Amino acid sequence: MSKPEPEKGCERMNDNGTRLREARGNTPRKEVCAAVGISRSALMMYENGKRSPREPIKYRLAKYYHTTVGELFYAGE
């Protein structure tokens, strides 16, 4: 039996997660979370494609990573 195809929204969240992990690099999650004001579990869910951050958090993450919201969350759409 084959696995069902992922929905488009799921693919986008996985892409977002990949970009978030790449942006973080070797920086500890604890450091990013403290700077951005989110929990470690929230960042892990964002990086694993389980959740998508609300707009204000997207802006704070982009600012922390010295990039734009578009490049971090909407690249390749």
N, C-alpha and C. Protein backbone atom coordinates (compact mmCIF):
# COMPACT_ATOMS: atom_id res chain seq x y z
N MET A 1 0.85 -1.17 0.00
CA MET A 1 0.00 0.00 0.00
C MET A 1 0.89 1.24 0.00
N SER A 2 0.60 2.20 -0.85
CA SER A 2 1.41 3.41 -0.93
C SER A 2 0.90 4.48 0.02
N LYS A 3 1.83 5.36 0.42
CA LYS A 3 1.46 6.46 1.31
C LYS A 3 0.71 7.51 0.52
N PRO A 4 -0.28 8.16 1.13
CA PRO A 4 -0.99 9.23 0.42
C PRO A 4 -0.07 10.42 0.18
N GLU A 5 -0.35 11.14 -0.88
CA GLU A 5 0.42 12.34 -1.21
C GLU A 5 0.18 13.40 -0.14
N PRO A 6 1.25 14.11 0.30
CA PRO A 6 1.03 15.18 1.27
C PRO A 6 0.28 16.34 0.64
N GLU A 7 -0.51 17.03 1.47
CA GLU A 7 -1.22 18.20 0.98
C GLU A 7 -0.24 19.33 0.75
N LYS A 8 -0.61 20.27 -0.12
CA LYS A 8 0.28 21.40 -0.42
C LYS A 8 0.68 22.18 0.83
N GLY A 9 -0.23 22.41 1.73
CA GLY A 9 0.09 23.13 2.96
C GLY A 9 1.14 22.42 3.78
N CYS A 10 1.10 21.09 3.79
CA CYS A 10 2.08 20.31 4.54
C CYS A 10 3.46 20.44 3.91
N GLU A 11 3.53 20.41 2.59
CA GLU A 11 4.82 20.57 1.91
C GLU A 11 5.41 21.93 2.23
N ARG A 12 4.59 22.96 2.23
CA ARG A 12 5.06 24.31 2.51
C ARG A 12 5.60 24.40 3.93
N MET A 13 4.89 23.79 4.90
CA MET A 13 5.37 23.83 6.28
C MET A 13 6.68 23.08 6.42
N ASN A 14 6.84 21.97 5.69
CA ASN A 14 8.10 21.24 5.74
C ASN A 14 9.22 22.07 5.14
N ASP A 15 8.93 22.79 4.05
CA ASP A 15 9.92 23.69 3.45
C ASP A 15 10.29 24.80 4.44
N ASN A 16 9.29 25.34 5.11
CA ASN A 16 9.54 26.37 6.11
C ASN A 16 10.43 25.82 7.22
N GLY A 17 10.13 24.61 7.66
CA GLY A 17 10.93 23.99 8.71
C GLY A 17 12.37 23.82 8.30
N THR A 18 12.58 23.39 7.06
CA THR A 18 13.94 23.23 6.55
C THR A 18 14.66 24.56 6.53
N ARG A 19 14.00 25.60 6.05
CA ARG A 19 14.64 26.93 6.00
C ARG A 19 14.93 27.45 7.41
N LEU A 20 14.02 27.19 8.35
CA LEU A 20 14.25 27.61 9.73
C LEU A 20 15.45 26.89 10.34
N ARG A 21 15.55 25.58 10.11
CA ARG A 21 16.69 24.82 10.63
C ARG A 21 17.99 25.31 10.02
N GLU A 22 17.97 25.58 8.71
CA GLU A 22 19.17 26.08 8.04
C GLU A 22 19.56 27.46 8.56
N ALA A 23 18.58 28.31 8.78
CA ALA A 23 18.86 29.66 9.28
C ALA A 23 19.47 29.59 10.68
N ARG A 24 18.98 28.67 11.50
CA ARG A 24 19.48 28.55 12.87
C ARG A 24 20.90 28.01 12.89
N GLY A 25 21.22 27.11 11.96
CA GLY A 25 22.56 26.54 11.90
C GLY A 25 22.94 25.88 13.22
N ASN A 26 24.08 26.29 13.79
CA ASN A 26 24.57 25.70 15.03
C ASN A 26 24.16 26.49 16.27
N THR A 27 23.34 27.49 16.08
CA THR A 27 22.87 28.29 17.23
C THR A 27 21.94 27.42 18.07
N PRO A 28 22.15 27.36 19.36
CA PRO A 28 21.25 26.55 20.20
C PRO A 28 19.82 27.08 20.16
N ARG A 29 18.87 26.16 20.15
CA ARG A 29 17.45 26.56 20.15
C ARG A 29 17.14 27.46 21.33
N LYS A 30 17.73 27.16 22.45
CA LYS A 30 17.48 27.95 23.67
C LYS A 30 17.80 29.43 23.43
N GLU A 31 18.88 29.70 22.71
CA GLU A 31 19.29 31.08 22.42
C GLU A 31 18.28 31.77 21.49
N VAL A 32 17.86 31.07 20.45
CA VAL A 32 16.89 31.63 19.51
C VAL A 32 15.57 31.92 20.24
N CYS A 33 15.12 30.97 21.03
CA CYS A 33 13.85 31.12 21.75
C CYS A 33 13.88 32.31 22.70
N ALA A 34 14.99 32.47 23.41
CA ALA A 34 15.10 33.59 24.35
C ALA A 34 15.07 34.92 23.60
N ALA A 35 15.74 34.99 22.46
CA ALA A 35 15.80 36.23 21.69
C ALA A 35 14.47 36.58 21.04
N VAL A 36 13.73 35.57 20.62
CA VAL A 36 12.50 35.78 19.87
C VAL A 36 11.27 35.80 20.78
N GLY A 37 11.39 35.21 21.95
CA GLY A 37 10.27 35.19 22.89
C GLY A 37 9.27 34.09 22.64
N ILE A 38 9.78 32.90 22.27
CA ILE A 38 8.91 31.74 22.06
C ILE A 38 9.46 30.57 22.87
N SER A 39 8.66 29.54 23.02
CA SER A 39 9.10 28.36 23.75
C SER A 39 9.94 27.46 22.84
N ARG A 40 10.74 26.63 23.48
CA ARG A 40 11.56 25.69 22.72
C ARG A 40 10.67 24.71 21.96
N SER A 41 9.59 24.28 22.58
CA SER A 41 8.69 23.34 21.90
C SER A 41 8.05 23.98 20.67
N ALA A 42 7.73 25.27 20.75
CA ALA A 42 7.16 25.95 19.58
C ALA A 42 8.18 25.98 18.45
N LEU A 43 9.42 26.35 18.74
CA LEU A 43 10.45 26.39 17.70
C LEU A 43 10.65 25.01 17.10
N MET A 44 10.65 23.98 17.93
CA MET A 44 10.81 22.62 17.41
C MET A 44 9.66 22.26 16.47
N MET A 45 8.44 22.64 16.82
CA MET A 45 7.30 22.34 15.94
C MET A 45 7.42 23.10 14.63
N TYR A 46 7.87 24.36 14.68
CA TYR A 46 8.05 25.13 13.45
C TYR A 46 9.13 24.48 12.58
N GLU A 47 10.24 24.09 13.19
CA GLU A 47 11.35 23.49 12.45
C GLU A 47 11.02 22.11 11.91
N ASN A 48 10.10 21.40 12.55
CA ASN A 48 9.71 20.07 12.10
C ASN A 48 8.49 20.08 11.19
N GLY A 49 7.99 21.28 10.89
CA GLY A 49 6.85 21.39 9.98
C GLY A 49 5.54 20.96 10.58
N LYS A 50 5.45 20.94 11.90
CA LYS A 50 4.21 20.54 12.57
C LYS A 50 3.26 21.72 12.75
N ARG A 51 3.82 22.93 12.86
CA ARG A 51 3.02 24.15 13.02
C ARG A 51 3.68 25.26 12.23
N SER A 52 2.88 26.25 11.92
CA SER A 52 3.39 27.45 11.28
C SER A 52 3.24 28.61 12.26
N PRO A 53 4.27 29.42 12.41
CA PRO A 53 4.17 30.53 13.38
C PRO A 53 3.19 31.60 12.94
N ARG A 54 2.62 32.30 13.92
CA ARG A 54 1.77 33.45 13.61
C ARG A 54 2.65 34.55 13.01
N GLU A 55 2.01 35.49 12.36
CA GLU A 55 2.73 36.55 11.65
C GLU A 55 3.72 37.32 12.53
N PRO A 56 3.34 37.75 13.75
CA PRO A 56 4.32 38.49 14.56
C PRO A 56 5.58 37.67 14.86
N ILE A 57 5.42 36.37 15.04
CA ILE A 57 6.57 35.51 15.31
C ILE A 57 7.41 35.35 14.07
N LYS A 58 6.77 35.28 12.90
CA LYS A 58 7.52 35.21 11.64
C LYS A 58 8.42 36.43 11.50
N TYR A 59 7.89 37.60 11.83
CA TYR A 59 8.69 38.83 11.73
C TYR A 59 9.86 38.81 12.71
N ARG A 60 9.62 38.33 13.93
CA ARG A 60 10.70 38.29 14.92
C ARG A 60 11.78 37.29 14.52
N LEU A 61 11.36 36.14 13.99
CA LEU A 61 12.34 35.15 13.54
C LEU A 61 13.16 35.70 12.37
N ALA A 62 12.49 36.31 11.42
CA ALA A 62 13.20 36.88 10.26
C ALA A 62 14.19 37.95 10.71
N LYS A 63 13.78 38.79 11.63
CA LYS A 63 14.68 39.84 12.14
C LYS A 63 15.87 39.20 12.85
N TYR A 64 15.64 38.19 13.66
CA TYR A 64 16.71 37.52 14.38
C TYR A 64 17.71 36.89 13.40
N TYR A 65 17.20 36.29 12.33
CA TYR A 65 18.06 35.62 11.34
C TYR A 65 18.58 36.58 10.26
N HIS A 66 18.30 37.87 10.39
CA HIS A 66 18.77 38.89 9.45
C HIS A 66 18.34 38.58 8.01
N THR A 67 17.05 38.30 7.87
CA THR A 67 16.49 38.04 6.55
C THR A 67 15.08 38.62 6.51
N THR A 68 14.36 38.35 5.45
CA THR A 68 12.99 38.84 5.34
C THR A 68 12.02 37.69 5.60
N VAL A 69 10.79 38.05 5.94
CA VAL A 69 9.75 37.04 6.15
C VAL A 69 9.55 36.27 4.84
N GLY A 70 9.56 36.98 3.73
CA GLY A 70 9.37 36.33 2.43
C GLY A 70 10.44 35.28 2.15
N GLU A 71 11.67 35.62 2.41
CA GLU A 71 12.75 34.65 2.15
C GLU A 71 12.70 33.48 3.11
N LEU A 72 12.32 33.73 4.34
CA LEU A 72 12.31 32.66 5.34
C LEU A 72 11.10 31.76 5.23
N PHE A 73 9.94 32.32 4.88
CA PHE A 73 8.71 31.53 4.91
C PHE A 73 8.03 31.33 3.56
N TYR A 74 8.32 32.14 2.58
CA TYR A 74 7.58 32.05 1.32
C TYR A 74 8.47 31.82 0.11
N ALA A 75 9.73 31.55 0.29
CA ALA A 75 10.64 31.32 -0.83
C ALA A 75 10.19 30.07 -1.61
N GLY A 76 10.18 30.20 -2.90
CA GLY A 76 9.86 29.07 -3.75
C GLY A 76 8.38 28.82 -3.97
N GLU A 77 7.52 29.72 -3.54
CA GLU A 77 6.09 29.52 -3.75
C GLU A 77 5.67 30.03 -5.11
